C-alpha atoms as a PDB file:
ATOM      1  CA  MET A   1     101.755  91.541  85.947  1.00  0.00           C
ATOM      2  CA  ALA A   2      98.196  91.624  86.809  1.00  0.00           C
ATOM      3  CA  ILE A   3      98.257  88.181  88.771  1.00  0.00           C
ATOM      4  CA  ALA A   4     101.596  89.750  91.011  1.00  0.00           C
ATOM      5  CA  ALA A   5      99.996  92.804  91.484  1.00  0.00           C
ATOM      6  CA  SER A   6      96.424  91.474  92.748  1.00  0.00           C
ATOM      7  CA  VAL A   7      98.248  89.215  95.116  1.00  0.00           C
ATOM      8  CA  CYS A   8     100.936  91.737  96.241  1.00  0.00           C
ATOM      9  CA  ILE A   9      98.498  94.806  96.939  1.00  0.00           C
ATOM     10  CA  PRO A  10      95.870  92.700  99.193  1.00  0.00           C
ATOM     11  CA  ILE A  11      98.746  91.356 101.211  1.00  0.00           C
ATOM     12  CA  VAL A  12     100.375  94.789 101.467  1.00  0.00           C
ATOM     13  CA  LEU A  13      97.111  96.574 102.694  1.00  0.00           C
ATOM     14  CA  ILE A  14      96.332  93.674 105.300  1.00  0.00           C
ATOM     15  CA  PHE A  15      99.921  93.689 106.904  1.00  0.00           C
ATOM     16  CA  ALA A  16     100.216  97.440 106.818  1.00  0.00           C
ATOM     17  CA  ALA A  17      96.546  97.635 108.483  1.00  0.00           C
ATOM     18  CA  LEU A  18      97.721  95.222 111.095  1.00  0.00           C
ATOM     19  CA  ARG A  19     100.726  97.202 111.883  1.00  0.00           C
ATOM     20  CA  LEU A  20      98.714 100.424 112.331  1.00  0.00           C
ATOM     21  CA  TYR A  21      96.374  98.482 114.709  1.00  0.00           C
ATOM     22  CA  VAL A  22      99.122  97.281 116.897  1.00  0.00           C
ATOM     23  CA  ARG A  23     101.089 100.568 116.970  1.00  0.00           C
ATOM     24  CA  LEU A  24      97.819 102.664 117.401  1.00  0.00           C
ATOM     25  CA  ARG A  25      95.508 100.168 119.882  1.00  0.00           C
ATOM     26  CA  ILE A  26      98.085  97.751 121.600  1.00  0.00           C
ATOM     27  CA  LEU A  27     101.412  99.702 122.034  1.00  0.00           C
ATOM     28  CA  ARG A  28      99.999 103.112 121.524  1.00  0.00           C
ATOM     29  CA  LYS A  29     103.335 104.335 120.524  1.00  0.00           C
ATOM     30  CA  TRP A  30     104.832 105.839 117.207  1.00  0.00           C
ATOM     31  CA  ALA A  31     108.283 105.479 116.169  1.00  0.00           C
ATOM     32  CA  LEU A  32     110.326 107.060 113.592  1.00  0.00           C
ATOM     33  CA  ASP A  33     109.967 104.292 111.345  1.00  0.00           C
ATOM     34  CA  ASP A  34     105.990 104.582 111.479  1.00  0.00           C
ATOM     35  CA  TYR A  35     106.070 107.912 110.109  1.00  0.00           C
ATOM     36  CA  VAL A  36     108.147 106.524 106.997  1.00  0.00           C
ATOM     37  CA  PHE A  37     106.158 103.825 106.814  1.00  0.00           C
ATOM     38  CA  VAL A  38     102.793 105.616 106.159  1.00  0.00           C
ATOM     39  CA  LEU A  39     104.414 107.487 103.684  1.00  0.00           C
ATOM     40  CA  SER A  40     106.302 104.430 101.487  1.00  0.00           C
ATOM     41  CA  VAL A  41     102.495 102.304 101.693  1.00  0.00           C
ATOM     42  CA  PRO A  42     100.619 104.694  99.282  1.00  0.00           C
ATOM     43  CA  ALA A  43     103.566 105.561  97.376  1.00  0.00           C
ATOM     44  CA  GLY A  44     104.851 101.873  96.741  1.00  0.00           C
ATOM     45  CA  ILE A  45     101.120 100.963  95.913  1.00  0.00           C
ATOM     46  CA  GLY A  46     100.971 104.125  93.623  1.00  0.00           C
ATOM     47  CA  LEU A  47     103.938 102.940  91.670  1.00  0.00           C
ATOM     48  CA  ILE A  48     102.372  99.360  91.264  1.00  0.00           C
ATOM     49  CA  ALA A  49      99.186 100.496  90.073  1.00  0.00           C
ATOM     50  CA  VAL A  50     100.989 102.948  87.628  1.00  0.00           C
ATOM     51  CA  ASN A  51     103.204  99.778  86.590  1.00  0.00           C
ATOM     52  CA  VAL A  52      99.870  97.674  85.858  1.00  0.00           C
ATOM     53  CA  ALA A  53      98.369 100.669  83.790  1.00  0.00           C
ATOM     54  CA  LEU A  54     101.516 101.027  81.908  1.00  0.00           C
ATOM     55  CA  ILE A  55     101.431  97.315  80.851  1.00  0.00           C
ATOM     56  CA  TYR A  56      97.860  97.172  80.012  1.00  0.00           C
ATOM     57  CA  GLY A  57      98.220 100.469  78.089  1.00  0.00           C
ATOM     58  CA  GLY A  58      98.338  98.884  74.659  1.00  0.00           C
ATOM     59  CA  ALA A  59     101.947  99.447  73.699  1.00  0.00           C
ATOM     60  CA  PHE A  60     103.858  97.295  76.384  1.00  0.00           C
ATOM     61  CA  GLY A  61     103.660  93.360  76.704  1.00  0.00           C
ATOM     62  CA  TYR A  62     104.112  93.210  72.918  1.00  0.00           C
ATOM     63  CA  HIS A  63     107.535  92.787  70.888  1.00  0.00           C
ATOM     64  CA  ALA A  64     108.832  96.114  68.955  1.00  0.00           C
ATOM     65  CA  TRP A  65     108.085  95.037  65.604  1.00  0.00           C
ATOM     66  CA  GLU A  66     104.500  94.627  66.467  1.00  0.00           C
ATOM     67  CA  VAL A  67     103.805  98.046  68.265  1.00  0.00           C
ATOM     68  CA  THR A  68     102.871 101.199  65.631  1.00  0.00           C
ATOM     69  CA  ILE A  69     103.532 104.959  66.419  1.00  0.00           C
ATOM     70  CA  GLY A  70      99.680 104.749  66.776  1.00  0.00           C
ATOM     71  CA  ASP A  71      99.871 102.469  69.837  1.00  0.00           C
ATOM     72  CA  LEU A  72     102.095 104.947  71.893  1.00  0.00           C
ATOM     73  CA  THR A  73      99.187 107.413  72.856  1.00  0.00           C
ATOM     74  CA  LYS A  74      99.649 110.372  75.426  1.00  0.00           C
ATOM     75  CA  PRO A  75      98.784 108.412  78.274  1.00  0.00           C
ATOM     76  CA  VAL A  76     101.518 105.411  77.820  1.00  0.00           C
ATOM     77  CA  LEU A  77     103.966 108.156  77.189  1.00  0.00           C
ATOM     78  CA  GLU A  78     103.245 109.853  80.172  1.00  0.00           C
ATOM     79  CA  ARG A  79     102.994 106.732  82.495  1.00  0.00           C
ATOM     80  CA  SER A  80     106.247 105.390  80.667  1.00  0.00           C
ATOM     81  CA  VAL A  81     107.841 108.694  81.919  1.00  0.00           C
ATOM     82  CA  ALA A  82     106.075 108.787  85.311  1.00  0.00           C
ATOM     83  CA  ILE A  83     107.176 105.336  86.260  1.00  0.00           C
ATOM     84  CA  GLY A  84     111.461 106.118  85.106  1.00  0.00           C
ATOM     85  CA  ILE A  85     111.064 109.334  87.502  1.00  0.00           C
ATOM     86  CA  ILE A  86     109.114 108.005  90.646  1.00  0.00           C
ATOM     87  CA  GLN A  87     110.678 104.514  90.671  1.00  0.00           C
ATOM     88  CA  GLY A  88     114.130 105.913  92.204  1.00  0.00           C
ATOM     89  CA  PRO A  89     112.337 107.924  94.838  1.00  0.00           C
ATOM     90  CA  THR A  90     109.633 105.540  95.776  1.00  0.00           C
ATOM     91  CA  THR A  91     112.206 102.612  96.252  1.00  0.00           C
ATOM     92  CA  TRP A  92     114.464 104.728  98.396  1.00  0.00           C
ATOM     93  CA  LEU A  93     111.454 105.402 100.601  1.00  0.00           C
ATOM     94  CA  VAL A  94     110.739 101.509 101.277  1.00  0.00           C
ATOM     95  CA  LYS A  95     114.349 101.282 101.849  1.00  0.00           C
ATOM     96  CA  LEU A  96     114.262 103.950 104.211  1.00  0.00           C
ATOM     97  CA  THR A  97     111.699 102.530 106.210  1.00  0.00           C
ATOM     98  CA  LEU A  98     113.927  99.486 106.689  1.00  0.00           C
ATOM     99  CA  PHE A  99     116.751 101.491 107.286  1.00  0.00           C
ATOM    100  CA  CYS A 100     114.258 103.338 110.000  1.00  0.00           C
ATOM    101  CA  LEU A 101     113.346  99.891 111.450  1.00  0.00           C
ATOM    102  CA  ILE A 102     116.889  98.882 112.116  1.00  0.00           C
ATOM    103  CA  LEU A 103     117.440 102.305 113.512  1.00  0.00           C
ATOM    104  CA  THR A 104     114.541 101.897 116.056  1.00  0.00           C
ATOM    105  CA  ILE A 105     115.544  98.697 117.140  1.00  0.00           C
ATOM    106  CA  PHE A 106     119.342  98.751 117.169  1.00  0.00           C
ATOM    107  CA  ARG A 107     119.922 102.429 118.092  1.00  0.00           C
ATOM    108  CA  PRO A 108     122.098 101.630 121.286  1.00  0.00           C
ATOM    109  CA  ILE A 109     124.639 100.380 118.739  1.00  0.00           C
ATOM    110  CA  THR A 110     126.996 102.867 117.466  1.00  0.00           C
ATOM    111  CA  TRP A 111     128.766 101.409 114.515  1.00  0.00           C
ATOM    112  CA  LEU A 112     125.443  99.912 113.269  1.00  0.00           C
ATOM    113  CA  ARG A 113     123.523 103.396 113.663  1.00  0.00           C
ATOM    114  CA  ARG A 114     126.580 104.841 111.559  1.00  0.00           C
ATOM    115  CA  LEU A 115     125.931 102.427 108.939  1.00  0.00           C
ATOM    116  CA  VAL A 116     122.367 102.947 108.885  1.00  0.00           C
ATOM    117  CA  PHE A 117     123.223 106.943 108.180  1.00  0.00           C
ATOM    118  CA  VAL A 118     125.589 106.121 105.720  1.00  0.00           C
ATOM    119  CA  GLY A 119     122.791 103.785 103.728  1.00  0.00           C
ATOM    120  CA  ILE A 120     120.389 106.617 103.766  1.00  0.00           C
ATOM    121  CA  VAL A 121     122.365 109.275 102.463  1.00  0.00           C
ATOM    122  CA  VAL A 122     124.259 106.884  99.627  1.00  0.00           C
ATOM    123  CA  THR A 123     120.541 105.498  98.432  1.00  0.00           C
ATOM    124  CA  GLY A 124     118.997 108.870  98.931  1.00  0.00           C
ATOM    125  CA  VAL A 125     121.659 110.618  96.291  1.00  0.00           C
ATOM    126  CA  PHE A 126     121.906 107.681  94.052  1.00  0.00           C
ATOM    127  CA  TYR A 127     117.887 107.507  93.409  1.00  0.00           C
ATOM    128  CA  LEU A 128     117.408 111.105  93.526  1.00  0.00           C
ATOM    129  CA  TYR A 129     120.319 111.547  90.882  1.00  0.00           C
ATOM    130  CA  SER A 130     118.613 108.582  88.794  1.00  0.00           C
ATOM    131  CA  ALA A 131     114.930 110.243  88.865  1.00  0.00           C
ATOM    132  CA  ILE A 132     116.503 113.642  87.480  1.00  0.00           C
ATOM    133  CA  TYR A 133     118.676 112.338  85.115  1.00  0.00           C
ATOM    134  CA  TYR A 134     115.707 110.318  83.911  1.00  0.00           C
ATOM    135  CA  GLY A 135     113.279 113.219  83.732  1.00  0.00           C
ATOM    136  CA  VAL A 136     115.747 115.262  81.645  1.00  0.00           C
ATOM    137  CA  ALA A 137     116.819 112.333  79.296  1.00  0.00           C
ATOM    138  CA  CYS A 138     113.397 110.956  78.753  1.00  0.00           C
ATOM    139  CA  GLY A 139     111.052 114.015  79.593  1.00  0.00           C
ATOM    140  CA  PRO A 140     108.823 115.796  76.717  1.00  0.00           C
ATOM    141  CA  LYS A 141     110.537 118.514  75.048  1.00  0.00           C
ATOM    142  CA  GLY A 142     109.268 121.483  73.948  1.00  0.00           C
ATOM    143  CA  GLY A 143     106.017 120.896  75.750  1.00  0.00           C
ATOM    144  CA  VAL A 144     103.426 118.569  77.320  1.00  0.00           C
ATOM    145  CA  ASP A 145     101.394 117.285  74.447  1.00  0.00           C
ATOM    146  CA  ARG A 146     101.969 113.695  72.599  1.00  0.00           C
ATOM    147  CA  LEU A 147     104.698 115.114  70.142  1.00  0.00           C
ATOM    148  CA  SER A 148     106.551 116.847  72.807  1.00  0.00           C
ATOM    149  CA  TYR A 149     106.659 113.339  74.884  1.00  0.00           C
ATOM    150  CA  LEU A 150     107.630 111.412  71.513  1.00  0.00           C
ATOM    151  CA  ALA A 151     110.191 113.875  71.094  1.00  0.00           C
ATOM    152  CA  GLY A 152     111.750 113.170  74.462  1.00  0.00           C
ATOM    153  CA  MET A 153     111.238 109.363  74.254  1.00  0.00           C
ATOM    154  CA  ALA A 154     113.067 109.184  70.929  1.00  0.00           C
ATOM    155  CA  GLY A 155     115.315 111.684  71.318  1.00  0.00           C
ATOM    156  CA  LYS A 156     119.100 110.169  71.385  1.00  0.00           C
ATOM    157  CA  SER A 157     119.584 111.065  74.874  1.00  0.00           C
ATOM    158  CA  CYS A 158     116.916 108.381  75.834  1.00  0.00           C
ATOM    159  CA  HIS A 159     116.100 105.847  73.092  1.00  0.00           C
ATOM    160  CA  ASN A 160     119.823 105.167  71.992  1.00  0.00           C
ATOM    161  CA  PRO A 161     120.155 101.421  72.698  1.00  0.00           C
ATOM    162  CA  THR A 162     123.569 101.527  73.886  1.00  0.00           C
ATOM    163  CA  GLY A 163     123.488 105.201  75.279  1.00  0.00           C
ATOM    164  CA  PHE A 164     123.755 106.191  78.868  1.00  0.00           C
ATOM    165  CA  ILE A 165     120.449 106.093  79.835  1.00  0.00           C
ATOM    166  CA  GLN A 166     120.298 102.248  79.169  1.00  0.00           C
ATOM    167  CA  ILE A 167     123.552 102.039  81.033  1.00  0.00           C
ATOM    168  CA  ASN A 168     122.416 103.744  83.744  1.00  0.00           C
ATOM    169  CA  ASN A 169     119.167 101.681  83.790  1.00  0.00           C
ATOM    170  CA  ILE A 170     121.683  98.717  84.178  1.00  0.00           C
ATOM    171  CA  LEU A 171     123.732 100.547  87.004  1.00  0.00           C
ATOM    172  CA  GLN A 172     120.509 100.930  89.188  1.00  0.00           C
ATOM    173  CA  GLY A 173     119.588  97.547  88.650  1.00  0.00           C
ATOM    174  CA  ALA A 174     123.181  96.457  90.515  1.00  0.00           C
ATOM    175  CA  PHE A 175     122.626  99.484  93.087  1.00  0.00           C
ATOM    176  CA  ASN A 176     119.298  97.751  93.963  1.00  0.00           C
ATOM    177  CA  VAL A 177     120.766  94.413  94.671  1.00  0.00           C
ATOM    178  CA  PHE A 178     123.760  96.101  96.656  1.00  0.00           C
ATOM    179  CA  SER A 179     121.607  98.022  99.083  1.00  0.00           C
ATOM    180  CA  ASP A 180     118.973  95.260  99.341  1.00  0.00           C
ATOM    181  CA  PHE A 181     122.145  93.026 100.561  1.00  0.00           C
ATOM    182  CA  TYR A 182     123.381  95.795 102.506  1.00  0.00           C
ATOM    183  CA  ILE A 183     120.051  96.612 104.336  1.00  0.00           C
ATOM    184  CA  LEU A 184     119.899  92.381 104.966  1.00  0.00           C
ATOM    185  CA  PHE A 185     123.716  91.865 106.364  1.00  0.00           C
ATOM    186  CA  ILE A 186     123.912  94.977 108.554  1.00  0.00           C
ATOM    187  CA  PRO A 187     121.982  94.105 111.425  1.00  0.00           C
ATOM    188  CA  ILE A 188     123.096  90.103 111.357  1.00  0.00           C
ATOM    189  CA  PRO A 189     126.118  90.654 113.510  1.00  0.00           C
ATOM    190  CA  ALA A 190     124.400  92.652 116.038  1.00  0.00           C
ATOM    191  CA  ILE A 191     121.518  90.198 116.120  1.00  0.00           C
ATOM    192  CA  VAL A 192     123.982  87.266 116.901  1.00  0.00           C
ATOM    193  CA  LYS A 193     125.941  88.960 119.557  1.00  0.00           C
ATOM    194  CA  LEU A 194     122.889  90.111 121.664  1.00  0.00           C
ATOM    195  CA  HIS A 195     122.388  88.285 124.801  1.00  0.00           C
ATOM    196  CA  LEU A 196     118.809  87.393 124.067  1.00  0.00           C
ATOM    197  CA  PRO A 197     117.561  83.718 124.492  1.00  0.00           C
ATOM    198  CA  LEU A 198     118.368  81.324 121.600  1.00  0.00           C
ATOM    199  CA  GLN A 199     114.325  81.381 120.590  1.00  0.00           C
ATOM    200  CA  ARG A 200     113.925  85.181 120.492  1.00  0.00           C
ATOM    201  CA  LYS A 201     117.205  86.101 118.794  1.00  0.00           C
ATOM    202  CA  LEU A 202     116.088  83.481 116.159  1.00  0.00           C
ATOM    203  CA  ALA A 203     112.885  84.945 115.818  1.00  0.00           C
ATOM    204  CA  VAL A 204     114.504  88.684 115.357  1.00  0.00           C
ATOM    205  CA  LEU A 205     117.038  86.902 112.829  1.00  0.00           C
ATOM    206  CA  MET A 206     114.373  85.151 110.784  1.00  0.00           C
ATOM    207  CA  ILE A 207     112.199  88.750 110.341  1.00  0.00           C
ATOM    208  CA  PHE A 208     115.313  90.256 108.751  1.00  0.00           C
ATOM    209  CA  LEU A 209     116.129  87.177 106.862  1.00  0.00           C
ATOM    210  CA  THR A 210     112.608  87.478 104.883  1.00  0.00           C
ATOM    211  CA  GLY A 211     114.481  90.399 103.197  1.00  0.00           C
ATOM    212  CA  SER A 212     116.445  87.719 100.958  1.00  0.00           C
ATOM    213  CA  ALA A 213     113.432  87.696  99.184  1.00  0.00           C
ATOM    214  CA  ALA A 214     113.656  91.523  98.282  1.00  0.00           C
ATOM    215  CA  CYS A 215     117.502  90.477  97.188  1.00  0.00           C
ATOM    216  CA  ALA A 216     116.294  87.516  95.033  1.00  0.00           C
ATOM    217  CA  MET A 217     113.698  89.884  93.031  1.00  0.00           C
ATOM    218  CA  SER A 218     116.374  92.587  92.507  1.00  0.00           C
ATOM    219  CA  ILE A 219     118.865  89.956  91.003  1.00  0.00           C
ATOM    220  CA  LEU A 220     116.111  88.981  88.822  1.00  0.00           C
ATOM    221  CA  ALA A 221     115.502  92.540  87.904  1.00  0.00           C
ATOM    222  CA  LEU A 222     118.867  93.039  87.099  1.00  0.00           C
ATOM    223  CA  LYS A 223     119.090  90.158  84.759  1.00  0.00           C
ATOM    224  CA  TYR A 224     116.048  91.608  83.008  1.00  0.00           C
ATOM    225  CA  ARG A 225     117.496  95.028  82.743  1.00  0.00           C
ATOM    226  CA  THR A 226     120.452  93.359  81.315  1.00  0.00           C
ATOM    227  CA  THR A 227     118.376  91.517  78.792  1.00  0.00           C
ATOM    228  CA  ILE A 228     116.589  94.482  77.603  1.00  0.00           C
ATOM    229  CA  TYR A 229     120.171  96.392  77.024  1.00  0.00           C
ATOM    230  CA  LYS A 230     121.213  93.410  74.846  1.00  0.00           C
ATOM    231  CA  THR A 231     117.781  92.499  73.184  1.00  0.00           C
ATOM    232  CA  GLN A 232     116.475  96.281  72.509  1.00  0.00           C
ATOM    233  CA  ASP A 233     113.147  95.186  72.518  1.00  0.00           C
ATOM    234  CA  ASN A 234     112.048  97.151  75.483  1.00  0.00           C
ATOM    235  CA  ASN A 235     108.065  96.965  75.106  1.00  0.00           C
ATOM    236  CA  TYR A 236     108.284  93.097  75.528  1.00  0.00           C
ATOM    237  CA  ASP A 237     110.820  92.745  77.979  1.00  0.00           C
ATOM    238  CA  THR A 238     109.661  95.410  80.196  1.00  0.00           C
ATOM    239  CA  VAL A 239     106.575  93.185  81.349  1.00  0.00           C
ATOM    240  CA  ALA A 240     108.862  90.712  83.264  1.00  0.00           C
ATOM    241  CA  LEU A 241     110.944  93.614  84.575  1.00  0.00           C
ATOM    242  CA  LEU A 242     107.932  95.459  86.206  1.00  0.00           C
ATOM    243  CA  THR A 243     106.589  92.277  87.445  1.00  0.00           C
ATOM    244  CA  VAL A 244     109.530  91.676  89.634  1.00  0.00           C
ATOM    245  CA  THR A 245     110.081  95.275  90.911  1.00  0.00           C
ATOM    246  CA  THR A 246     106.425  95.079  91.850  1.00  0.00           C
ATOM    247  CA  ILE A 247     107.141  92.107  93.807  1.00  0.00           C
ATOM    248  CA  GLU A 248     110.535  93.750  95.281  1.00  0.00           C
ATOM    249  CA  ILE A 249     108.436  96.657  96.335  1.00  0.00           C
ATOM    250  CA  SER A 250     105.979  94.827  97.672  1.00  0.00           C
ATOM    251  CA  VAL A 251     108.412  92.514 100.038  1.00  0.00           C
ATOM    252  CA  GLY A 252     110.170  95.835 101.109  1.00  0.00           C
ATOM    253  CA  MET A 253     106.771  97.196 102.212  1.00  0.00           C
ATOM    254  CA  ILE A 254     105.940  93.588 104.140  1.00  0.00           C
ATOM    255  CA  ILE A 255     109.280  93.492 106.089  1.00  0.00           C
ATOM    256  CA  PRO A 256     108.281  96.213 108.389  1.00  0.00           C
ATOM    257  CA  THR A 257     104.895  94.933 109.390  1.00  0.00           C
ATOM    258  CA  LEU A 258     106.845  91.843 110.560  1.00  0.00           C
ATOM    259  CA  PRO A 259     107.579  92.586 114.328  1.00  0.00           C
ATOM    260  CA  SER A 260     103.928  94.121 114.537  1.00  0.00           C
ATOM    261  CA  LEU A 261     102.506  90.843 113.352  1.00  0.00           C
ATOM    262  CA  ALA A 262     104.388  89.036 115.777  1.00  0.00           C
ATOM    263  CA  THR A 263     102.965  91.538 118.626  1.00  0.00           C
ATOM    264  CA  PHE A 264      99.305  91.382 117.501  1.00  0.00           C
ATOM    265  CA  ALA A 265      99.758  87.183 117.219  1.00  0.00           C
ATOM    266  CA  ARG A 266     100.880  87.340 121.014  1.00  0.00           C
ATOM    267  CA  HIS A 267      98.258  89.675 121.846  1.00  0.00           C
ATOM    268  CA  VAL A 268      95.587  87.554 120.219  1.00  0.00           C
ATOM    269  CA  TRP A 269      97.338  84.215 121.237  1.00  0.00           C
ATOM    270  CA  VAL A 270      97.743  84.724 124.991  1.00  0.00           C
ATOM    271  CA  PRO A 271      94.194  85.345 125.923  1.00  0.00           C
ATOM    272  CA  ILE A 272      93.061  82.586 124.016  1.00  0.00           C
ATOM    273  CA  ARG A 273      95.139  80.434 125.543  1.00  0.00           C
ATOM    274  CA  ARG A 274      94.473  81.624 129.042  1.00  0.00           C
ATOM    275  CA  TYR A 275      90.997  81.187 128.645  1.00  0.00           C
ATOM    276  CA  PHE A 276      91.162  77.492 127.669  1.00  0.00           C
ATOM    277  CA  HIS A 277      93.677  76.856 130.491  1.00  0.00           C
ATOM    278  CA  THR A 278      91.301  78.443 133.055  1.00  0.00           C
ATOM    279  CA  LYS A 279      88.059  76.951 131.675  1.00  0.00           C
ATOM    280  CA  TYR A 280      88.895  73.199 130.695  1.00  0.00           C
ATOM    281  CA  GLY A 281      92.551  73.104 132.298  1.00  0.00           C
ATOM    282  CA  TRP A 282      94.122  72.442 128.862  1.00  0.00           C
ATOM    283  CA  ASP A 283      97.855  72.845 128.627  1.00  0.00           C
ATOM    284  CA  TRP A 284      98.550  71.748 125.585  1.00  0.00           C
ATOM    285  CA  LEU A 285      97.976  74.934 123.928  1.00  0.00           C
ATOM    286  CA  GLY A 286     101.303  75.851 125.440  1.00  0.00           C
ATOM    287  CA  GLU A 287     102.937  76.902 128.758  1.00  0.00           C
ATOM    288  CA  ASN A 288     100.584  77.767 131.695  1.00  0.00           C
ATOM    289  CA  PRO A 289      99.543  81.390 130.932  1.00  0.00           C
ATOM    290  CA  THR A 290      99.254  82.609 134.581  1.00  0.00           C
ATOM    291  CA  GLU A 291     103.284  81.733 134.292  1.00  0.00           C
ATOM    292  CA  ALA A 292     104.291  82.559 131.131  1.00  0.00           C
ATOM    293  CA  SER A 293     105.209  86.101 131.956  1.00  0.00           C
ATOM    294  CA  GLY A 294     106.980  84.905 135.229  1.00  0.00           C
ATOM    295  CA  GLY A 295     108.850  82.397 132.765  1.00  0.00           C
ATOM    296  CA  ASP A 296     109.858  85.159 130.703  1.00  0.00           C
ATOM    297  CA  GLU A 297     110.913  87.422 133.631  1.00  0.00           C
ATOM    298  CA  ASN A 298     113.026  84.247 134.880  1.00  0.00           C
ATOM    299  CA  GLU A 299     114.315  83.604 131.236  1.00  0.00           C
ATOM    300  CA  LEU A 300     115.300  87.248 130.560  1.00  0.00           C
ATOM    301  CA  ALA A 301     116.808  87.843 133.911  1.00  0.00           C
ATOM    302  CA  LYS A 302     120.172  86.251 133.291  1.00  0.00           C
ATOM    303  CA  PHE A 303     120.584  87.989 130.046  1.00  0.00           C
ATOM    304  CA  ARG A 304     119.904  91.653 131.655  1.00  0.00           C
ATOM    305  CA  LYS A 305     123.244  91.774 133.660  1.00  0.00           C
ATOM    306  CA  ARG A 306     125.148  90.861 130.661  1.00  0.00           C
ATOM    307  CA  ILE A 307     126.937  93.330 128.169  1.00  0.00           C
ATOM    308  CA  LEU A 308     125.635  93.958 124.882  1.00  0.00           C
ATOM    309  CA  PRO A 309     128.434  94.506 121.971  1.00  0.00           C
ATOM    310  CA  ASN A 310     128.553  98.043 122.244  1.00  0.00           C
ATOM    311  CA  GLY A 311     129.544  97.779 125.882  1.00  0.00           C
ATOM    312  CA  LYS A 312     126.175  98.607 127.520  1.00  0.00           C
ATOM    313  CA  THR A 313     123.473  96.733 129.345  1.00  0.00           C
ATOM    314  CA  TYR A 314     120.709  94.721 128.373  1.00  0.00           C
ATOM    315  CA  SER A 315     118.100  97.026 129.523  1.00  0.00           C
ATOM    316  CA  LYS A 316     119.084 100.092 127.267  1.00  0.00           C
ATOM    317  CA  SER A 317     118.452  97.917 124.496  1.00  0.00           C
ATOM    318  CA  ASP A 318     115.069  96.154 125.131  1.00  0.00           C
ATOM    319  CA  THR A 319     113.190  97.774 122.078  1.00  0.00           C
ATOM    320  CA  ILE A 320     113.713  94.182 120.706  1.00  0.00           C
ATOM    321  CA  ASP A 321     111.608  92.827 123.090  1.00  0.00           C
ATOM    322  CA  LYS A 322     109.507  95.855 122.451  1.00  0.00           C
ATOM    323  CA  MET A 323     109.210  95.848 119.144  1.00  0.00           C
ATOM    324  CA  ILE A 324     109.343  92.146 118.220  1.00  0.00           C
ATOM    325  CA  PHE A 325     107.356  90.367 120.903  1.00  0.00           C
ATOM    326  CA  GLY A 326     105.471  93.023 122.718  1.00  0.00           C
ATOM    327  CA  VAL A 327     106.913  92.927 126.113  1.00  0.00           C
ATOM    328  CA  ASN A 328     108.323  95.691 128.191  1.00  0.00           C
ATOM    329  CA  ALA A 329     111.686  95.901 130.299  1.00  0.00           C
ATOM    330  CA  HIS A 330     110.710  93.755 132.836  1.00  0.00           C
ATOM    331  CA  GLY A 331     109.363  90.699 130.554  1.00  0.00           C
ATOM    332  CA  MET A 332     105.555  91.505 131.184  1.00  0.00           C
ATOM    333  CA  GLU A 333     103.400  91.638 128.057  1.00  0.00           C
ATOM    334  CA  PHE A 334     102.067  95.219 127.292  1.00  0.00           C
ATOM    335  CA  GLN A 335      98.933  95.880 128.386  1.00  0.00           C
ATOM    336  CA  THR A 336      95.913  98.178 126.700  1.00  0.00           C
ATOM    337  CA  THR A 337      94.126 100.807 128.569  1.00  0.00           C
ATOM    338  CA  SER A 338      91.056  98.576 128.354  1.00  0.00           C
ATOM    339  CA  SER A 339      92.934  95.805 129.893  1.00  0.00           C
ATOM    340  CA  VAL A 340      94.285  98.062 132.680  1.00  0.00           C
ATOM    341  CA  ALA A 341      91.207  99.331 133.924  1.00  0.00           C
ATOM    342  CA  GLN A 342      89.618  95.737 133.790  1.00  0.00           C
ATOM    343  CA  GLN A 343      92.382  95.139 136.232  1.00  0.00           C
ATOM    344  CA  GLU A 344      91.906  97.954 138.427  1.00  0.00           C
ATOM    345  CA  HIS A 345      88.031  97.285 138.510  1.00  0.00           C
ATOM    346  CA  MET A 346      88.620  93.655 139.540  1.00  0.00           C
ATOM    347  CA  SER A 347      91.047  94.883 142.271  1.00  0.00           C
ATOM    348  CA  SER A 348      88.613  97.626 143.381  1.00  0.00           C
ATOM    349  CA  GLU A 349      85.763  94.887 143.414  1.00  0.00           C
ATOM    350  CA  ASN A 350      88.335  92.526 145.564  1.00  0.00           C
ATOM    351  CA  ASP A 351      88.886  95.663 148.397  1.00  0.00           C
ATOM    352  CA  LEU A 352      85.220  96.007 148.660  1.00  0.00           C
ATOM    353  CA  VAL A 353      84.847  92.267 149.194  1.00  0.00           C
ATOM    354  CA  ALA A 354      87.923  92.635 151.807  1.00  0.00           C
ATOM    355  CA  LYS A 355      86.029  95.361 153.885  1.00  0.00           C
ATOM    356  CA  THR A 356      82.873  93.672 153.779  1.00  0.00           C
ATOM    357  CA  SER A 357      84.171  90.550 155.238  1.00  0.00           C
ATOM    358  CA  SER A 358      85.801  92.313 157.997  1.00  0.00           C
ATOM    359  CA  THR A 359      82.899  94.435 159.027  1.00  0.00           C
ATOM    360  CA  THR A 360      80.776  91.392 159.236  1.00  0.00           C
END
């Protein structure tokens, strides 16, 4: 668990920082999924932190027959209840970011937009229900002291090994699998049918297919939830479940950063390639950077006049290029304020030289 958290949290923070940098400094544009993203990342990291605190709190990670009543301290009980309540809403918030990402990119496609709205509502209702039900069934009874938490956790509605709370736990795992595959599959038909150059289409497809890792983790989590139901050794088996859940949540937070990562890579790589081409004439780093934008324009020109799956023209759906590749509707790279100012300064210098030459 500690290894998974120590690997996942830094990666999430680095990728999140890159996304914010791209949005604020390079693209200078803020979309709906950005607002949800800045909420989901702290919530996801907070859930991972509570998972780690619970596992290393003294009662979990041991078999049921090794745990005494004294090991169930109030902090351990509080964290256990907190995880049961916040896990659903946090999972929904992470999935909401992915839904909003799909909505931002494929907004012109009506049927996909409707599927996104259905997914948002259904997942939101289910995870809210799960949080409320767990809080009522396993929350403290008659107060907020240790005995009240013990009364709630040991009560029939929560502790019954074959009760509805355990069945609901498996149901939530199955719903996680379903919703992950739902998010993975709904944009694929739209991506396949888009009239984009093959290389760019594959790049968009690969970004969304990284969600298959989250699907794999949710399947493993369902397996561990089923194991807990069968063995009734919650304290020991919960470690594996929370570890897999940590990875699943982390993958869900990383996927929305990948389009910005592609934009950042392009933003950094193009000046480097241009420098070596200008100074040393090196073409082995890639295409001639002075002709790169023109090449993109020529490549995209034949696609713009075609029709998208929803009957609209390409130009009304070029947010894919804007988000994934950092190019505008004309196939040119996004320009920062500094680059625009630099170009204007160079232009004014050229005009001054031309005027001086004409007067002499």
